[in-house]
Amino acid sequence: MPLSMLNSTFLMLVALFFSSLSSAQSLRIGTTLWPGYEPLYLAQEIKAYKEDIRILHYPSTSEVLRAFKNKTLEAAALTLDEIVSLEEAGIEVEIILVLDISAGADVIMAKPELKNIQGLKGARVAVESTAVGAYVLTRALEVHGIDISTIHLVNVENSSHKQSYESNQADAIVTYEPVRTQLLNSGAIEIFNSSEIPGEIIDVLAVHKDIVQSHESELFDVTQGWFKALKYIDNEPVSAYQFIAARMKVSAREAKESYFGLSLPNLKKNKELLSGTPAPLVETFKRLTQHMKNNLLIAPTFSSLTTTNNQFLPKD
């Protein structure tokens, strides 16, 4: 065989080899500890994934965002306002799945002597400034007519929320489950929750736009696994909540109760939220970014390029 043909054959084999590698890549998904993300881990536990899906836990949202920006993650479980912060950094994102809608699970917890949300005036309020907490706090203050200049902000990552309360570093904490339950057990009171801002705190599975084609099979697999996990929770609640409780370090009863303030959209609802021109989720995203502009959380010139993609949802 002529040398030129040998070279061509060799190059073709090399191309096929690397092509096969790229079609069998792992999908790394970053999350924090939050009930709405637990079905991702449950799917792993019940072996619902067929592809190499790696769910990675991070102590704080700030670290998830950092890993996503650095491309050590292909995907991340995030709230819509956290996606805005990625876009501000020039990261192009696509939303492929709606994980949960908060209806009371995001909260402001306080020392009993504060009595109610008006007690925040003059108080030290711990919040993770790069995460959903900043949005929850500004909306809570807006709803109740409190000027942000009257409170003292303390930037504390989620993994240190409980410690900051118990060590008297803060009088109130903007947080969520399972920290909410832990603080209730420590004597804290709840003075605000996301039921007062319905439909505004939405968690989604976001992916880098440039990995959508290279990870098609993995993206199909993770959405299939997600809905299998939701079905497992319905059909095997005792086993499901025991697994979730062990991860969240609460009792099985408390794990179940942590979902009372959450809606986990089924397949039909996901299709509704991610479909259309524009998709309802995109409309929600626009309203959220306008609020963030009004409250100087993002630049007035911010323009979103985030899109929704329903192609990876199961076909019923």
C-alpha atoms as a PDB file:
ATOM      1  CA  MET A   1       0.000   0.000   0.000  1.00  0.00           C
ATOM      2  CA  PRO A   2       1.423   3.423  -0.894  1.00  0.00           C
ATOM      3  CA  LEU A   3       2.691   5.518   2.001  1.00  0.00           C
ATOM      4  CA  SER A   4       0.142   8.269   1.257  1.00  0.00           C
ATOM      5  CA  MET A   5      -2.712   5.755   1.603  1.00  0.00           C
ATOM      6  CA  LEU A   6      -1.237   4.449   4.877  1.00  0.00           C
ATOM      7  CA  ASN A   7      -1.087   7.985   6.206  1.00  0.00           C
ATOM      8  CA  SER A   8      -4.687   8.639   5.148  1.00  0.00           C
ATOM      9  CA  THR A   9      -5.875   5.406   6.749  1.00  0.00           C
ATOM     10  CA  PHE A  10      -3.986   6.194   9.967  1.00  0.00           C
ATOM     11  CA  LEU A  11      -5.462   9.702  10.157  1.00  0.00           C
ATOM     12  CA  MET A  12      -8.954   8.303   9.546  1.00  0.00           C
ATOM     13  CA  LEU A  13      -8.533   5.770  12.385  1.00  0.00           C
ATOM     14  CA  VAL A  14      -7.275   8.493  14.722  1.00  0.00           C
ATOM     15  CA  ALA A  15     -10.277  10.671  13.852  1.00  0.00           C
ATOM     16  CA  LEU A  16     -12.664   7.773  14.480  1.00  0.00           C
ATOM     17  CA  PHE A  17     -10.964   7.020  17.809  1.00  0.00           C
ATOM     18  CA  PHE A  18     -11.319  10.567  19.104  1.00  0.00           C
ATOM     19  CA  SER A  19     -14.853  10.764  17.730  1.00  0.00           C
ATOM     20  CA  SER A  20     -15.797   7.706  19.783  1.00  0.00           C
ATOM     21  CA  LEU A  21     -14.225   9.294  22.853  1.00  0.00           C
ATOM     22  CA  SER A  22     -16.163  12.537  22.422  1.00  0.00           C
ATOM     23  CA  SER A  23     -19.460  10.634  22.125  1.00  0.00           C
ATOM     24  CA  ALA A  24     -18.866   8.922  25.474  1.00  0.00           C
ATOM     25  CA  GLN A  25     -17.831  11.809  27.673  1.00  0.00           C
ATOM     26  CA  SER A  26     -18.831  12.319  31.260  1.00  0.00           C
ATOM     27  CA  LEU A  27     -21.306  15.043  32.166  1.00  0.00           C
ATOM     28  CA  ARG A  28     -20.277  16.867  35.347  1.00  0.00           C
ATOM     29  CA  ILE A  29     -23.137  18.624  37.159  1.00  0.00           C
ATOM     30  CA  GLY A  30     -22.464  20.920  40.108  1.00  0.00           C
ATOM     31  CA  THR A  31     -24.959  21.505  42.922  1.00  0.00           C
ATOM     32  CA  THR A  32     -25.212  22.755  46.467  1.00  0.00           C
ATOM     33  CA  LEU A  33     -27.221  20.976  49.174  1.00  0.00           C
ATOM     34  CA  TRP A  34     -30.887  21.810  48.495  1.00  0.00           C
ATOM     35  CA  PRO A  35     -34.006  19.594  48.466  1.00  0.00           C
ATOM     36  CA  GLY A  36     -34.840  20.617  44.909  1.00  0.00           C
ATOM     37  CA  TYR A  37     -31.553  19.164  43.654  1.00  0.00           C
ATOM     38  CA  GLU A  38     -31.748  15.874  45.550  1.00  0.00           C
ATOM     39  CA  PRO A  39     -33.536  13.941  42.756  1.00  0.00           C
ATOM     40  CA  LEU A  40     -30.295  14.258  40.756  1.00  0.00           C
ATOM     41  CA  TYR A  41     -28.504  12.288  43.495  1.00  0.00           C
ATOM     42  CA  LEU A  42     -31.439   9.929  43.992  1.00  0.00           C
ATOM     43  CA  ALA A  43     -31.343   9.061  40.283  1.00  0.00           C
ATOM     44  CA  GLN A  44     -27.705   8.111  40.764  1.00  0.00           C
ATOM     45  CA  GLU A  45     -28.588   6.010  43.823  1.00  0.00           C
ATOM     46  CA  ILE A  46     -31.313   4.035  42.004  1.00  0.00           C
ATOM     47  CA  LYS A  47     -29.047   3.627  38.949  1.00  0.00           C
ATOM     48  CA  ALA A  48     -31.362   5.574  36.660  1.00  0.00           C
ATOM     49  CA  TYR A  49     -28.456   6.960  34.602  1.00  0.00           C
ATOM     50  CA  LYS A  50     -27.053   4.898  31.734  1.00  0.00           C
ATOM     51  CA  GLU A  51     -24.319   7.349  30.739  1.00  0.00           C
ATOM     52  CA  ASP A  52     -21.414   8.674  32.807  1.00  0.00           C
ATOM     53  CA  ILE A  53     -23.293  11.322  34.822  1.00  0.00           C
ATOM     54  CA  ARG A  54     -21.318  12.793  37.711  1.00  0.00           C
ATOM     55  CA  ILE A  55     -23.228  14.849  40.275  1.00  0.00           C
ATOM     56  CA  LEU A  56     -20.761  16.949  42.275  1.00  0.00           C
ATOM     57  CA  HIS A  57     -21.631  18.609  45.592  1.00  0.00           C
ATOM     58  CA  TYR A  58     -20.148  22.024  46.450  1.00  0.00           C
ATOM     59  CA  PRO A  59     -20.362  23.763  49.857  1.00  0.00           C
ATOM     60  CA  SER A  60     -21.665  27.012  48.355  1.00  0.00           C
ATOM     61  CA  THR A  61     -23.277  28.448  45.238  1.00  0.00           C
ATOM     62  CA  SER A  62     -20.278  30.741  44.814  1.00  0.00           C
ATOM     63  CA  GLU A  63     -18.104  27.667  44.317  1.00  0.00           C
ATOM     64  CA  VAL A  64     -20.557  26.125  41.836  1.00  0.00           C
ATOM     65  CA  LEU A  65     -20.540  29.351  39.818  1.00  0.00           C
ATOM     66  CA  ARG A  66     -16.740  29.498  39.927  1.00  0.00           C
ATOM     67  CA  ALA A  67     -16.429  25.890  38.704  1.00  0.00           C
ATOM     68  CA  PHE A  68     -18.952  26.510  35.919  1.00  0.00           C
ATOM     69  CA  LYS A  69     -17.107  29.636  34.788  1.00  0.00           C
ATOM     70  CA  ASN A  70     -13.825  27.691  34.778  1.00  0.00           C
ATOM     71  CA  LYS A  71     -15.454  24.905  32.724  1.00  0.00           C
ATOM     72  CA  THR A  72     -14.709  22.207  35.283  1.00  0.00           C
ATOM     73  CA  LEU A  73     -18.472  21.631  35.055  1.00  0.00           C
ATOM     74  CA  GLU A  74     -20.554  21.086  31.929  1.00  0.00           C
ATOM     75  CA  ALA A  75     -23.796  21.746  33.803  1.00  0.00           C
ATOM     76  CA  ALA A  76     -25.041  23.221  37.067  1.00  0.00           C
ATOM     77  CA  ALA A  77     -28.223  23.386  39.116  1.00  0.00           C
ATOM     78  CA  LEU A  78     -28.880  27.097  39.621  1.00  0.00           C
ATOM     79  CA  THR A  79     -31.574  29.695  40.201  1.00  0.00           C
ATOM     80  CA  LEU A  80     -32.420  32.103  37.391  1.00  0.00           C
ATOM     81  CA  ASP A  81     -30.756  35.060  39.135  1.00  0.00           C
ATOM     82  CA  GLU A  82     -27.542  33.042  39.457  1.00  0.00           C
ATOM     83  CA  ILE A  83     -27.623  32.473  35.692  1.00  0.00           C
ATOM     84  CA  VAL A  84     -27.717  36.254  35.303  1.00  0.00           C
ATOM     85  CA  SER A  85     -24.399  36.463  37.181  1.00  0.00           C
ATOM     86  CA  LEU A  86     -22.903  33.929  34.747  1.00  0.00           C
ATOM     87  CA  GLU A  87     -24.083  35.969  31.784  1.00  0.00           C
ATOM     88  CA  GLU A  88     -22.539  39.093  33.279  1.00  0.00           C
ATOM     89  CA  ALA A  89     -19.241  37.194  33.206  1.00  0.00           C
ATOM     90  CA  GLY A  90     -19.742  36.442  29.496  1.00  0.00           C
ATOM     91  CA  ILE A  91     -20.821  32.796  29.903  1.00  0.00           C
ATOM     92  CA  GLU A  92     -23.408  31.593  27.364  1.00  0.00           C
ATOM     93  CA  VAL A  93     -25.988  29.310  28.969  1.00  0.00           C
ATOM     94  CA  GLU A  94     -28.838  27.083  27.841  1.00  0.00           C
ATOM     95  CA  ILE A  95     -31.607  25.865  30.186  1.00  0.00           C
ATOM     96  CA  ILE A  96     -32.705  22.266  29.526  1.00  0.00           C
ATOM     97  CA  LEU A  97     -34.775  21.374  32.617  1.00  0.00           C
ATOM     98  CA  VAL A  98     -36.836  23.131  35.312  1.00  0.00           C
ATOM     99  CA  LEU A  99     -35.969  21.448  38.608  1.00  0.00           C
ATOM    100  CA  ASP A 100     -38.145  23.229  41.158  1.00  0.00           C
ATOM    101  CA  ILE A 101     -40.151  26.344  41.942  1.00  0.00           C
ATOM    102  CA  SER A 102     -39.803  27.735  45.445  1.00  0.00           C
ATOM    103  CA  ALA A 103     -43.070  28.401  47.254  1.00  0.00           C
ATOM    104  CA  GLY A 104     -41.831  28.936  50.796  1.00  0.00           C
ATOM    105  CA  ALA A 105     -38.540  27.015  50.967  1.00  0.00           C
ATOM    106  CA  ASP A 106     -36.286  30.102  50.628  1.00  0.00           C
ATOM    107  CA  VAL A 107     -36.423  31.981  53.908  1.00  0.00           C
ATOM    108  CA  ILE A 108     -35.104  34.626  56.242  1.00  0.00           C
ATOM    109  CA  MET A 109     -34.504  33.170  59.715  1.00  0.00           C
ATOM    110  CA  ALA A 110     -33.953  35.419  62.725  1.00  0.00           C
ATOM    111  CA  LYS A 111     -33.329  35.508  66.434  1.00  0.00           C
ATOM    112  CA  PRO A 112     -36.622  35.446  68.366  1.00  0.00           C
ATOM    113  CA  GLU A 113     -36.090  38.969  69.726  1.00  0.00           C
ATOM    114  CA  LEU A 114     -36.426  40.405  66.201  1.00  0.00           C
ATOM    115  CA  LYS A 115     -40.090  39.184  66.284  1.00  0.00           C
ATOM    116  CA  ASN A 116     -40.869  39.925  62.609  1.00  0.00           C
ATOM    117  CA  ILE A 117     -39.303  41.257  59.424  1.00  0.00           C
ATOM    118  CA  GLN A 118     -39.488  44.854  60.648  1.00  0.00           C
ATOM    119  CA  GLY A 119     -36.967  43.768  63.278  1.00  0.00           C
ATOM    120  CA  LEU A 120     -34.320  43.626  60.528  1.00  0.00           C
ATOM    121  CA  LYS A 121     -33.852  47.395  60.860  1.00  0.00           C
ATOM    122  CA  GLY A 122     -30.487  47.867  62.529  1.00  0.00           C
ATOM    123  CA  ALA A 123     -29.803  44.111  62.520  1.00  0.00           C
ATOM    124  CA  ARG A 124     -26.878  42.132  61.098  1.00  0.00           C
ATOM    125  CA  VAL A 125     -28.144  40.034  58.175  1.00  0.00           C
ATOM    126  CA  ALA A 126     -26.024  37.191  56.799  1.00  0.00           C
ATOM    127  CA  VAL A 127     -26.447  36.454  53.102  1.00  0.00           C
ATOM    128  CA  GLU A 128     -24.416  34.828  50.337  1.00  0.00           C
ATOM    129  CA  SER A 129     -24.059  37.871  48.103  1.00  0.00           C
ATOM    130  CA  THR A 130     -23.411  36.003  44.845  1.00  0.00           C
ATOM    131  CA  ALA A 131     -26.354  33.622  45.210  1.00  0.00           C
ATOM    132  CA  VAL A 132     -30.147  33.633  45.338  1.00  0.00           C
ATOM    133  CA  GLY A 133     -30.066  35.020  48.885  1.00  0.00           C
ATOM    134  CA  ALA A 134     -29.265  38.514  47.618  1.00  0.00           C
ATOM    135  CA  TYR A 135     -32.390  38.440  45.439  1.00  0.00           C
ATOM    136  CA  VAL A 136     -34.586  37.044  48.235  1.00  0.00           C
ATOM    137  CA  LEU A 137     -33.387  39.753  50.609  1.00  0.00           C
ATOM    138  CA  THR A 138     -33.974  42.655  48.209  1.00  0.00           C
ATOM    139  CA  ARG A 139     -37.460  41.362  47.384  1.00  0.00           C
ATOM    140  CA  ALA A 140     -38.307  40.841  51.066  1.00  0.00           C
ATOM    141  CA  LEU A 141     -37.224  44.382  51.895  1.00  0.00           C
ATOM    142  CA  GLU A 142     -39.137  45.732  48.896  1.00  0.00           C
ATOM    143  CA  VAL A 143     -42.344  43.847  49.777  1.00  0.00           C
ATOM    144  CA  HIS A 144     -42.215  45.096  53.369  1.00  0.00           C
ATOM    145  CA  GLY A 145     -41.033  48.642  52.675  1.00  0.00           C
ATOM    146  CA  ILE A 146     -37.654  48.418  54.397  1.00  0.00           C
ATOM    147  CA  ASP A 147     -34.695  50.465  53.142  1.00  0.00           C
ATOM    148  CA  ILE A 148     -31.614  48.277  52.654  1.00  0.00           C
ATOM    149  CA  SER A 149     -29.456  51.037  54.156  1.00  0.00           C
ATOM    150  CA  THR A 150     -31.081  50.350  57.548  1.00  0.00           C
ATOM    151  CA  ILE A 151     -29.584  46.850  57.827  1.00  0.00           C
ATOM    152  CA  HIS A 152     -25.997  45.642  58.200  1.00  0.00           C
ATOM    153  CA  LEU A 153     -25.060  43.082  55.535  1.00  0.00           C
ATOM    154  CA  VAL A 154     -22.673  40.247  56.368  1.00  0.00           C
ATOM    155  CA  ASN A 155     -21.456  38.147  53.423  1.00  0.00           C
ATOM    156  CA  VAL A 156     -21.572  34.486  54.515  1.00  0.00           C
ATOM    157  CA  GLU A 157     -21.531  31.445  52.231  1.00  0.00           C
ATOM    158  CA  ASN A 158     -24.316  28.909  52.681  1.00  0.00           C
ATOM    159  CA  SER A 159     -22.068  26.280  54.252  1.00  0.00           C
ATOM    160  CA  SER A 160     -21.441  28.696  57.167  1.00  0.00           C
ATOM    161  CA  HIS A 161     -25.018  29.967  57.697  1.00  0.00           C
ATOM    162  CA  LYS A 162     -25.768  27.795  60.730  1.00  0.00           C
ATOM    163  CA  GLN A 163     -22.418  28.569  62.319  1.00  0.00           C
ATOM    164  CA  SER A 164     -22.806  32.327  61.813  1.00  0.00           C
ATOM    165  CA  TYR A 165     -26.163  32.232  63.619  1.00  0.00           C
ATOM    166  CA  GLU A 166     -25.022  30.032  66.493  1.00  0.00           C
ATOM    167  CA  SER A 167     -21.770  31.986  66.999  1.00  0.00           C
ATOM    168  CA  ASN A 168     -23.708  35.292  67.142  1.00  0.00           C
ATOM    169  CA  GLN A 169     -22.088  36.719  64.012  1.00  0.00           C
ATOM    170  CA  ALA A 170     -25.523  37.577  62.609  1.00  0.00           C
ATOM    171  CA  ASP A 171     -29.011  38.357  63.892  1.00  0.00           C
ATOM    172  CA  ALA A 172     -30.755  37.010  60.787  1.00  0.00           C
ATOM    173  CA  ILE A 173     -29.843  34.614  57.972  1.00  0.00           C
ATOM    174  CA  VAL A 174     -31.103  34.505  54.378  1.00  0.00           C
ATOM    175  CA  THR A 175     -31.045  30.769  53.709  1.00  0.00           C
ATOM    176  CA  TYR A 176     -32.963  27.643  52.676  1.00  0.00           C
ATOM    177  CA  GLU A 177     -33.408  23.964  53.529  1.00  0.00           C
ATOM    178  CA  PRO A 178     -31.846  22.051  55.218  1.00  0.00           C
ATOM    179  CA  VAL A 179     -30.375  25.038  57.118  1.00  0.00           C
ATOM    180  CA  ARG A 180     -33.906  26.341  57.759  1.00  0.00           C
ATOM    181  CA  THR A 181     -34.816  23.197  59.722  1.00  0.00           C
ATOM    182  CA  GLN A 182     -31.477  23.221  61.554  1.00  0.00           C
ATOM    183  CA  LEU A 183     -31.996  26.854  62.628  1.00  0.00           C
ATOM    184  CA  LEU A 184     -35.579  26.176  63.725  1.00  0.00           C
ATOM    185  CA  ASN A 185     -34.175  23.418  65.944  1.00  0.00           C
ATOM    186  CA  SER A 186     -31.710  25.988  67.323  1.00  0.00           C
ATOM    187  CA  GLY A 187     -34.534  28.341  68.319  1.00  0.00           C
ATOM    188  CA  ALA A 188     -34.620  30.705  65.319  1.00  0.00           C
ATOM    189  CA  ILE A 189     -37.900  32.032  63.911  1.00  0.00           C
ATOM    190  CA  GLU A 190     -38.947  32.396  60.279  1.00  0.00           C
ATOM    191  CA  ILE A 191     -39.770  36.006  59.364  1.00  0.00           C
ATOM    192  CA  PHE A 192     -40.036  35.726  55.559  1.00  0.00           C
ATOM    193  CA  ASN A 193     -40.364  32.995  52.964  1.00  0.00           C
ATOM    194  CA  SER A 194     -40.657  32.773  49.194  1.00  0.00           C
ATOM    195  CA  SER A 195     -44.420  32.137  49.261  1.00  0.00           C
ATOM    196  CA  GLU A 196     -44.647  35.944  49.437  1.00  0.00           C
ATOM    197  CA  ILE A 197     -42.981  36.181  45.998  1.00  0.00           C
ATOM    198  CA  PRO A 198     -44.622  33.233  44.170  1.00  0.00           C
ATOM    199  CA  GLY A 199     -43.047  31.985  40.945  1.00  0.00           C
ATOM    200  CA  GLU A 200     -39.928  34.151  41.265  1.00  0.00           C
ATOM    201  CA  ILE A 201     -37.386  31.657  42.650  1.00  0.00           C
ATOM    202  CA  ILE A 202     -36.929  28.931  40.040  1.00  0.00           C
ATOM    203  CA  ASP A 203     -34.142  26.352  39.937  1.00  0.00           C
ATOM    204  CA  VAL A 204     -33.053  24.986  36.584  1.00  0.00           C
ATOM    205  CA  LEU A 205     -30.447  22.742  35.041  1.00  0.00           C
ATOM    206  CA  ALA A 206     -28.170  25.007  33.013  1.00  0.00           C
ATOM    207  CA  VAL A 207     -25.503  23.883  30.550  1.00  0.00           C
ATOM    208  CA  HIS A 208     -22.750  25.573  28.576  1.00  0.00           C
ATOM    209  CA  LYS A 209     -24.135  26.282  25.114  1.00  0.00           C
ATOM    210  CA  ASP A 210     -21.019  24.936  23.448  1.00  0.00           C
ATOM    211  CA  ILE A 211     -21.379  21.420  24.953  1.00  0.00           C
ATOM    212  CA  VAL A 212     -24.952  20.754  23.822  1.00  0.00           C
ATOM    213  CA  GLN A 213     -23.991  18.871  20.648  1.00  0.00           C
ATOM    214  CA  SER A 214     -20.986  17.046  22.103  1.00  0.00           C
ATOM    215  CA  HIS A 215     -22.984  15.749  25.101  1.00  0.00           C
ATOM    216  CA  GLU A 216     -26.360  14.983  23.528  1.00  0.00           C
ATOM    217  CA  SER A 217     -26.677  11.432  24.878  1.00  0.00           C
ATOM    218  CA  GLU A 218     -25.662  12.516  28.393  1.00  0.00           C
ATOM    219  CA  LEU A 219     -28.171  15.389  28.404  1.00  0.00           C
ATOM    220  CA  PHE A 220     -30.954  13.049  27.276  1.00  0.00           C
ATOM    221  CA  ASP A 221     -29.891  10.617  29.984  1.00  0.00           C
ATOM    222  CA  VAL A 222     -29.877  13.110  32.851  1.00  0.00           C
ATOM    223  CA  THR A 223     -33.388  14.374  32.084  1.00  0.00           C
ATOM    224  CA  GLN A 224     -34.661  10.785  31.812  1.00  0.00           C
ATOM    225  CA  GLY A 225     -32.994   9.996  35.134  1.00  0.00           C
ATOM    226  CA  TRP A 226     -34.530  13.085  36.756  1.00  0.00           C
ATOM    227  CA  PHE A 227     -38.102  12.050  35.972  1.00  0.00           C
ATOM    228  CA  LYS A 228     -37.373   8.453  37.028  1.00  0.00           C
ATOM    229  CA  ALA A 229     -36.248   9.841  40.391  1.00  0.00           C
ATOM    230  CA  LEU A 230     -39.454  11.905  40.745  1.00  0.00           C
ATOM    231  CA  LYS A 231     -41.474   8.761  40.027  1.00  0.00           C
ATOM    232  CA  TYR A 232     -39.438   6.858  42.614  1.00  0.00           C
ATOM    233  CA  ILE A 233     -40.239   9.501  45.252  1.00  0.00           C
ATOM    234  CA  ASP A 234     -43.954   9.033  44.498  1.00  0.00           C
ATOM    235  CA  ASN A 235     -43.845   5.235  44.447  1.00  0.00           C
ATOM    236  CA  GLU A 236     -41.236   4.565  47.166  1.00  0.00           C
ATOM    237  CA  PRO A 237     -41.461   7.576  49.517  1.00  0.00           C
ATOM    238  CA  VAL A 238     -40.028   5.837  52.600  1.00  0.00           C
ATOM    239  CA  SER A 239     -36.872   4.720  50.811  1.00  0.00           C
ATOM    240  CA  ALA A 240     -36.539   8.019  48.897  1.00  0.00           C
ATOM    241  CA  TYR A 241     -36.833  10.265  51.960  1.00  0.00           C
ATOM    242  CA  GLN A 242     -34.473   8.080  53.978  1.00  0.00           C
ATOM    243  CA  PHE A 243     -31.831   8.545  51.275  1.00  0.00           C
ATOM    244  CA  ILE A 244     -32.455  12.306  51.056  1.00  0.00           C
ATOM    245  CA  ALA A 245     -32.475  12.653  54.862  1.00  0.00           C
ATOM    246  CA  ALA A 246     -29.077  10.975  55.140  1.00  0.00           C
ATOM    247  CA  ARG A 247     -27.579  13.402  52.641  1.00  0.00           C
ATOM    248  CA  MET A 248     -29.223  16.470  54.202  1.00  0.00           C
ATOM    249  CA  LYS A 249     -28.429  15.338  57.777  1.00  0.00           C
ATOM    250  CA  VAL A 250     -32.022  15.690  58.970  1.00  0.00           C
ATOM    251  CA  SER A 251     -34.677  13.133  59.932  1.00  0.00           C
ATOM    252  CA  ALA A 252     -36.774  11.409  57.255  1.00  0.00           C
ATOM    253  CA  ARG A 253     -39.808  13.364  58.473  1.00  0.00           C
ATOM    254  CA  GLU A 254     -37.901  16.657  58.194  1.00  0.00           C
ATOM    255  CA  ALA A 255     -36.649  15.687  54.722  1.00  0.00           C
ATOM    256  CA  LYS A 256     -40.231  15.114  53.579  1.00  0.00           C
ATOM    257  CA  GLU A 257     -41.398  18.374  55.178  1.00  0.00           C
ATOM    258  CA  SER A 258     -38.625  20.304  53.394  1.00  0.00           C
ATOM    259  CA  TYR A 259     -40.563  19.734  50.147  1.00  0.00           C
ATOM    260  CA  PHE A 260     -43.739  21.381  51.451  1.00  0.00           C
ATOM    261  CA  GLY A 261     -42.448  24.743  50.210  1.00  0.00           C
ATOM    262  CA  LEU A 262     -41.335  23.386  46.834  1.00  0.00           C
ATOM    263  CA  SER A 263     -42.986  22.447  43.563  1.00  0.00           C
ATOM    264  CA  LEU A 264     -41.154  19.899  41.405  1.00  0.00           C
ATOM    265  CA  PRO A 265     -42.611  20.384  37.898  1.00  0.00           C
ATOM    266  CA  ASN A 266     -43.545  17.167  36.125  1.00  0.00           C
ATOM    267  CA  LEU A 267     -42.768  16.439  32.469  1.00  0.00           C
ATOM    268  CA  LYS A 268     -45.922  18.151  31.201  1.00  0.00           C
ATOM    269  CA  LYS A 269     -45.185  21.310  33.208  1.00  0.00           C
ATOM    270  CA  ASN A 270     -41.560  21.304  32.031  1.00  0.00           C
ATOM    271  CA  LYS A 271     -42.687  21.199  28.423  1.00  0.00           C
ATOM    272  CA  GLU A 272     -45.038  24.120  29.057  1.00  0.00           C
ATOM    273  CA  LEU A 273     -42.324  26.222  30.701  1.00  0.00           C
ATOM    274  CA  LEU A 274     -39.595  25.499  28.132  1.00  0.00           C
ATOM    275  CA  SER A 275     -41.651  25.644  24.926  1.00  0.00           C
ATOM    276  CA  GLY A 276     -43.010  28.461  22.784  1.00  0.00           C
ATOM    277  CA  THR A 277     -41.748  31.748  21.378  1.00  0.00           C
ATOM    278  CA  PRO A 278     -40.991  33.100  23.816  1.00  0.00           C
ATOM    279  CA  ALA A 279     -41.143  30.267  26.344  1.00  0.00           C
ATOM    280  CA  PRO A 280     -42.934  31.150  29.624  1.00  0.00           C
ATOM    281  CA  LEU A 281     -39.641  30.631  31.478  1.00  0.00           C
ATOM    282  CA  VAL A 282     -37.980  33.236  29.257  1.00  0.00           C
ATOM    283  CA  GLU A 283     -40.750  35.705  30.137  1.00  0.00           C
ATOM    284  CA  THR A 284     -40.149  35.009  33.848  1.00  0.00           C
ATOM    285  CA  PHE A 285     -36.418  35.504  33.267  1.00  0.00           C
ATOM    286  CA  LYS A 286     -37.070  38.895  31.625  1.00  0.00           C
ATOM    287  CA  ARG A 287     -39.184  40.075  34.579  1.00  0.00           C
ATOM    288  CA  LEU A 288     -36.501  38.944  37.001  1.00  0.00           C
ATOM    289  CA  THR A 289     -33.693  40.744  35.163  1.00  0.00           C
ATOM    290  CA  GLN A 290     -35.779  43.931  35.043  1.00  0.00           C
ATOM    291  CA  HIS A 291     -36.255  43.762  38.812  1.00  0.00           C
ATOM    292  CA  MET A 292     -32.512  43.216  39.275  1.00  0.00           C
ATOM    293  CA  LYS A 293     -31.811  46.284  37.113  1.00  0.00           C
ATOM    294  CA  ASN A 294     -34.297  48.360  39.111  1.00  0.00           C
ATOM    295  CA  ASN A 295     -32.551  47.374  42.349  1.00  0.00           C
ATOM    296  CA  LEU A 296     -29.050  47.918  40.933  1.00  0.00           C
ATOM    297  CA  LEU A 297     -28.162  44.234  41.298  1.00  0.00           C
ATOM    298  CA  ILE A 298     -27.042  44.217  37.647  1.00  0.00           C
ATOM    299  CA  ALA A 299     -26.041  46.881  35.137  1.00  0.00           C
ATOM    300  CA  PRO A 300     -28.882  48.778  33.398  1.00  0.00           C
ATOM    301  CA  THR A 301     -27.365  47.762  30.053  1.00  0.00           C
ATOM    302  CA  PHE A 302     -27.565  44.015  30.810  1.00  0.00           C
ATOM    303  CA  SER A 303     -29.078  42.007  27.947  1.00  0.00           C
ATOM    304  CA  SER A 304     -29.686  38.267  28.293  1.00  0.00           C
ATOM    305  CA  LEU A 305     -28.631  35.694  25.707  1.00  0.00           C
ATOM    306  CA  THR A 306     -29.830  32.694  27.749  1.00  0.00           C
ATOM    307  CA  THR A 307     -32.132  30.349  25.823  1.00  0.00           C
ATOM    308  CA  THR A 308     -34.319  27.379  26.703  1.00  0.00           C
ATOM    309  CA  ASN A 309     -34.022  24.010  24.996  1.00  0.00           C
ATOM    310  CA  ASN A 310     -36.744  21.374  25.410  1.00  0.00           C
ATOM    311  CA  GLN A 311     -35.223  18.838  23.000  1.00  0.00           C
ATOM    312  CA  PHE A 312     -33.759  16.722  25.811  1.00  0.00           C
ATOM    313  CA  LEU A 313     -37.042  16.181  27.647  1.00  0.00           C
ATOM    314  CA  PRO A 314     -38.454  12.635  27.435  1.00  0.00           C
ATOM    315  CA  LYS A 315     -41.024  12.051  24.684  1.00  0.00           C
ATOM    316  CA  ASP A 316     -43.757  11.100  27.223  1.00  0.00           C
END
